[in-house]
């Protein structure tokens, strides 16, 4: 504006300055809402800012934190993936994405993302610790599934029991392990045990189709046709 003052440019410059002031005000409000744990309000304010400041990695990371607190992990992943691209060597974003996938039970995607973190910094303590855990769990699940494909149901049951010991704190892995053990018991003609375990899974996830099918197979073995 100072270098070339003309009426057109002055109007444009004033508009941009006004918009800039408005965005700074929204930014202050968003930070305040976040600190007060009003994550819904913070998201709404950050939406407005990010509609203009599309390439701001830090604002995307802040919105991702709000999404995590609001129980919307898939939206958090979307923002964190953008932040990982927008900011060089963003190990923190890859770590957070990996952790979210892990909590959701997607151990393969979790492993893939934590490897990206270690490519950037092989000495990253949090990423290395998570990598060891996910890799171990991933290997056990792959091994158990291989046993199932080979019809080695006792070995698969034993391996899935190990999975539950490896990760006792994230419920999705225990539920998945029980579902697969129930499948093995049903295939192994151990109907009573299969019915009991499938029922346990269905109390946790009433719409688990695999558990319903495997329990049905077990009921057939027991001639319980109505059930």
Protein backbone atom coordinates (compact mmCIF):
# COMPACT_ATOMS: atom_id res chain seq x y z
CA UNK A 1 0.00 0.00 0.00
CA UNK A 2 2.84 2.40 0.91
CA UNK A 3 4.83 1.56 -2.23
CA UNK A 4 1.94 2.11 -4.65
CA UNK A 5 -0.99 3.98 -3.15
CA UNK A 6 -3.97 3.93 -5.50
CA UNK A 7 -7.64 3.87 -4.54
CA UNK A 8 -8.12 0.28 -5.79
CA UNK A 9 -5.15 -1.09 -3.93
CA UNK A 10 -5.96 0.85 -0.81
CA UNK A 11 -9.41 -0.75 -0.69
CA UNK A 12 -7.93 -4.23 -1.23
CA UNK A 13 -5.24 -3.65 1.40
CA UNK A 14 -7.75 -2.41 3.96
CA UNK A 15 -9.96 -5.45 3.30
CA UNK A 16 -7.01 -7.81 3.84
CA UNK A 17 -5.96 -5.99 7.02
CA UNK A 18 -9.49 -6.21 8.39
CA UNK A 19 -9.62 -9.93 7.56
CA UNK A 20 -6.21 -10.43 9.18
CA UNK A 21 -7.38 -8.74 12.40
CA UNK A 22 -10.52 -10.87 12.40
CA UNK A 23 -8.50 -14.09 11.99
CA UNK A 24 -6.18 -13.11 14.85
CA UNK A 25 -9.25 -12.52 17.04
CA UNK A 26 -10.67 -15.94 16.06
CA UNK A 27 -7.28 -17.52 16.79
CA UNK A 28 -7.23 -16.07 20.33
CA UNK A 29 -10.79 -17.31 20.90
CA UNK A 30 -9.90 -20.79 19.59
CA UNK A 31 -6.90 -21.07 21.94
CA UNK A 32 -9.02 -19.86 24.83
CA UNK A 33 -11.77 -22.42 24.04
CA UNK A 34 -9.13 -25.18 23.81
CA UNK A 35 -7.63 -24.22 27.18
CA UNK A 36 -11.10 -24.20 28.71
CA UNK A 37 -11.67 -27.70 27.23
CA UNK A 38 -14.55 -26.48 25.06
CA UNK A 39 -13.30 -28.51 22.10
CA UNK A 40 -16.47 -28.19 20.05
CA UNK A 41 -16.23 -24.39 20.08
CA UNK A 42 -12.49 -24.55 19.33
CA UNK A 43 -13.14 -26.77 16.28
CA UNK A 44 -15.80 -24.38 14.99
CA UNK A 45 -13.41 -21.41 15.29
CA UNK A 46 -10.50 -23.32 13.75
CA UNK A 47 -12.74 -24.32 10.83
CA UNK A 48 -13.22 -20.62 10.04
CA UNK A 49 -9.50 -19.83 10.24
CA UNK A 50 -8.41 -22.88 8.23
CA UNK A 51 -10.86 -22.00 5.46
CA UNK A 52 -8.50 -19.04 4.83
CA UNK A 53 -5.16 -20.27 6.25
CA UNK A 54 -5.31 -23.64 4.49
CA UNK A 55 -1.57 -24.34 4.81
CA UNK A 56 -1.15 -23.76 8.54
CA UNK A 57 0.23 -27.03 9.95
CA UNK A 58 0.09 -25.95 13.59
CA UNK A 59 -3.59 -25.00 13.40
CA UNK A 60 -4.34 -28.38 11.83
CA UNK A 61 -2.48 -30.10 14.66
CA UNK A 62 -4.50 -28.10 17.20
CA UNK A 63 -7.77 -29.06 15.48
CA UNK A 64 -6.62 -32.69 15.43
CA UNK A 65 -6.11 -32.55 19.22
CA UNK A 66 -9.67 -31.22 19.56
CA UNK A 67 -11.02 -34.03 17.35
CA UNK A 68 -9.20 -36.61 19.50
CA UNK A 69 -10.76 -35.13 22.65
CA UNK A 70 -14.19 -35.14 20.96
CA UNK A 71 -13.82 -38.83 20.00
CA UNK A 72 -13.52 -38.24 16.24
CA UNK A 73 -10.25 -40.06 15.42
CA UNK A 74 -10.75 -40.28 11.64
CA UNK A 75 -11.03 -36.47 11.37
CA UNK A 76 -7.93 -36.11 13.56
CA UNK A 77 -6.01 -38.45 11.22
CA UNK A 78 -7.02 -36.34 8.22
CA UNK A 79 -5.65 -33.14 9.83
CA UNK A 80 -2.48 -34.85 11.08
CA UNK A 81 -1.75 -36.30 7.64
CA UNK A 82 -2.01 -32.80 6.17
CA UNK A 83 0.24 -31.44 8.93
CA UNK A 84 2.82 -34.17 8.24
CA UNK A 85 3.00 -33.02 4.61
CA UNK A 86 2.99 -29.29 5.39
CA UNK A 87 5.79 -29.31 7.98
CA UNK A 88 9.20 -30.84 7.28
CA UNK A 89 10.34 -33.72 9.52
CA UNK A 90 7.02 -33.73 11.41
CA UNK A 91 7.76 -36.83 13.51
CA UNK A 92 5.14 -35.80 16.07
CA UNK A 93 2.33 -35.97 13.50
CA UNK A 94 3.40 -39.45 12.31
CA UNK A 95 3.62 -40.62 15.93
CA UNK A 96 0.12 -39.36 16.71
CA UNK A 97 -1.35 -40.91 13.53
CA UNK A 98 0.27 -44.24 14.41
CA UNK A 99 -1.09 -44.11 17.96
CA UNK A 100 -4.63 -43.36 16.77
CA UNK A 101 -4.56 -46.25 14.29
CA UNK A 102 -3.23 -48.51 17.07
CA UNK A 103 -6.03 -47.52 19.46
CA UNK A 104 -8.57 -48.18 16.68
CA UNK A 105 -7.17 -51.71 16.24
CA UNK A 106 -5.58 -51.08 12.84
CA UNK A 107 -2.15 -52.44 13.71
CA UNK A 108 -0.97 -52.66 10.08
CA UNK A 109 -1.57 -48.96 9.33
CA UNK A 110 -0.14 -48.08 12.74
CA UNK A 111 3.07 -49.92 11.84
CA UNK A 112 3.28 -48.17 8.48
CA UNK A 113 2.94 -44.68 10.05
CA UNK A 114 5.40 -45.28 12.89
CA UNK A 115 7.97 -46.43 10.31
CA UNK A 116 7.57 -43.05 8.58
CA UNK A 117 8.43 -41.39 11.90
CA UNK A 118 11.57 -43.52 12.31
CA UNK A 119 12.66 -42.77 8.74
CA UNK A 120 12.83 -39.10 9.78
CA UNK A 121 14.46 -39.79 13.17
CA UNK A 122 15.64 -43.29 14.00
CA UNK A 123 16.37 -42.22 17.60
CA UNK A 124 12.84 -40.92 18.29
CA UNK A 125 12.13 -42.57 21.67
CA UNK A 126 8.32 -42.55 21.54
CA UNK A 127 8.19 -43.81 17.96
CA UNK A 128 10.74 -46.55 18.62
CA UNK A 129 8.88 -47.74 21.70
CA UNK A 130 5.56 -47.79 19.80
CA UNK A 131 7.24 -49.48 16.81
CA UNK A 132 8.50 -52.36 18.99
CA UNK A 133 5.03 -52.90 20.49
CA UNK A 134 3.12 -52.72 17.19
CA UNK A 135 5.64 -54.91 15.35
CA UNK A 136 5.43 -57.58 18.05
CA UNK A 137 1.62 -57.56 18.06
CA UNK A 138 1.44 -57.51 14.26
CA UNK A 139 3.73 -60.54 14.02
CA UNK A 140 1.65 -62.51 16.55
CA UNK A 141 -1.63 -61.76 14.74
CA UNK A 142 -0.12 -62.70 11.34
CA UNK A 143 1.22 -65.93 12.84
CA UNK A 144 -2.19 -66.80 14.38
CA UNK A 145 -3.97 -66.17 11.07
CA UNK A 146 -1.44 -68.38 9.27
CA UNK A 147 -2.23 -71.19 11.75
CA UNK A 148 -5.97 -70.76 11.03
CA UNK A 149 -5.35 -71.01 7.26
CA UNK A 150 -3.41 -74.23 7.88
CA UNK A 151 -6.19 -75.64 10.09
CA UNK A 152 -3.88 -75.64 13.15
CA UNK A 153 -6.59 -74.39 15.48
CA UNK A 154 -4.95 -75.26 18.83
CA UNK A 155 -1.82 -73.32 17.81
CA UNK A 156 -3.94 -70.38 16.64
CA UNK A 157 -5.82 -70.31 19.98
CA UNK A 158 -2.53 -70.30 21.87
CA UNK A 159 -1.16 -67.49 19.68
CA UNK A 160 -4.29 -65.34 20.14
CA UNK A 161 -4.05 -65.85 23.91
CA UNK A 162 -0.53 -64.40 23.62
CA UNK A 163 -1.96 -61.41 21.68
CA UNK A 164 -4.25 -60.64 24.64
CA UNK A 165 -1.25 -60.71 27.00
CA UNK A 166 0.83 -58.51 24.67
CA UNK A 167 -1.88 -55.81 24.55
CA UNK A 168 -4.16 -55.98 27.58
CA UNK A 169 -4.96 -52.25 27.64
CA UNK A 170 -6.60 -51.67 24.23
CA UNK A 171 -9.96 -53.52 24.33
CA UNK A 172 -10.32 -53.91 20.55
CA UNK A 173 -7.43 -56.42 20.44
CA UNK A 174 -8.87 -58.60 23.22
CA UNK A 175 -12.29 -58.61 21.54
CA UNK A 176 -10.76 -59.46 18.14
CA UNK A 177 -8.66 -62.23 19.71
CA UNK A 178 -11.71 -63.73 21.46
CA UNK A 179 -13.67 -63.59 18.19
CA UNK A 180 -10.91 -65.55 16.39
CA UNK A 181 -10.53 -68.05 19.27
CA UNK A 182 -14.29 -68.63 19.11
CA UNK A 183 -13.88 -69.31 15.37
CA UNK A 184 -11.11 -71.84 16.08
CA UNK A 185 -13.14 -73.61 18.77
CA UNK A 186 -16.12 -73.88 16.43
CA UNK A 187 -13.95 -75.27 13.61
CA UNK A 188 -12.30 -77.64 16.09
CA UNK A 189 -15.71 -79.11 17.07
CA UNK A 190 -15.43 -77.68 20.61
CA UNK A 191 -19.01 -76.47 20.52
CA UNK A 192 -19.67 -75.72 24.21
CA UNK A 193 -16.54 -73.57 24.59
CA UNK A 194 -17.23 -71.85 21.25
CA UNK A 195 -20.79 -70.91 22.27
CA UNK A 196 -19.58 -69.52 25.59
CA UNK A 197 -16.81 -67.39 24.04
CA UNK A 198 -18.87 -66.18 21.07
CA UNK A 199 -21.57 -65.09 23.52
CA UNK A 200 -18.93 -63.14 25.46
CA UNK A 201 -17.87 -61.38 22.22
CA UNK A 202 -21.50 -60.62 21.31
CA UNK A 203 -22.09 -59.04 24.72
CA UNK A 204 -19.29 -56.61 23.80
CA UNK A 205 -20.28 -56.21 20.13
CA UNK A 206 -23.88 -57.26 19.51
CA UNK A 207 -23.54 -56.89 15.71
CA UNK A 208 -20.32 -58.90 15.32
CA UNK A 209 -21.23 -60.96 12.24
CA UNK A 210 -18.28 -63.37 12.56
CA UNK A 211 -19.16 -64.24 16.14
CA UNK A 212 -22.81 -64.79 15.15
CA UNK A 213 -21.80 -67.14 12.30
CA UNK A 214 -19.35 -69.09 14.44
CA UNK A 215 -21.87 -69.44 17.28
CA UNK A 216 -24.45 -70.65 14.77
CA UNK A 217 -21.99 -73.33 13.57
CA UNK A 218 -21.40 -74.36 17.18
CA UNK A 219 -25.16 -74.58 17.85
CA UNK A 220 -25.47 -76.87 14.79
CA UNK A 221 -22.82 -79.18 16.26
CA UNK A 222 -24.95 -79.40 19.40
CA UNK A 223 -28.20 -79.98 17.39
CA UNK A 224 -29.60 -76.73 18.84
CA UNK A 225 -31.39 -75.80 15.62
CA UNK A 226 -33.74 -73.15 17.05
CA UNK A 227 -30.80 -71.22 18.49
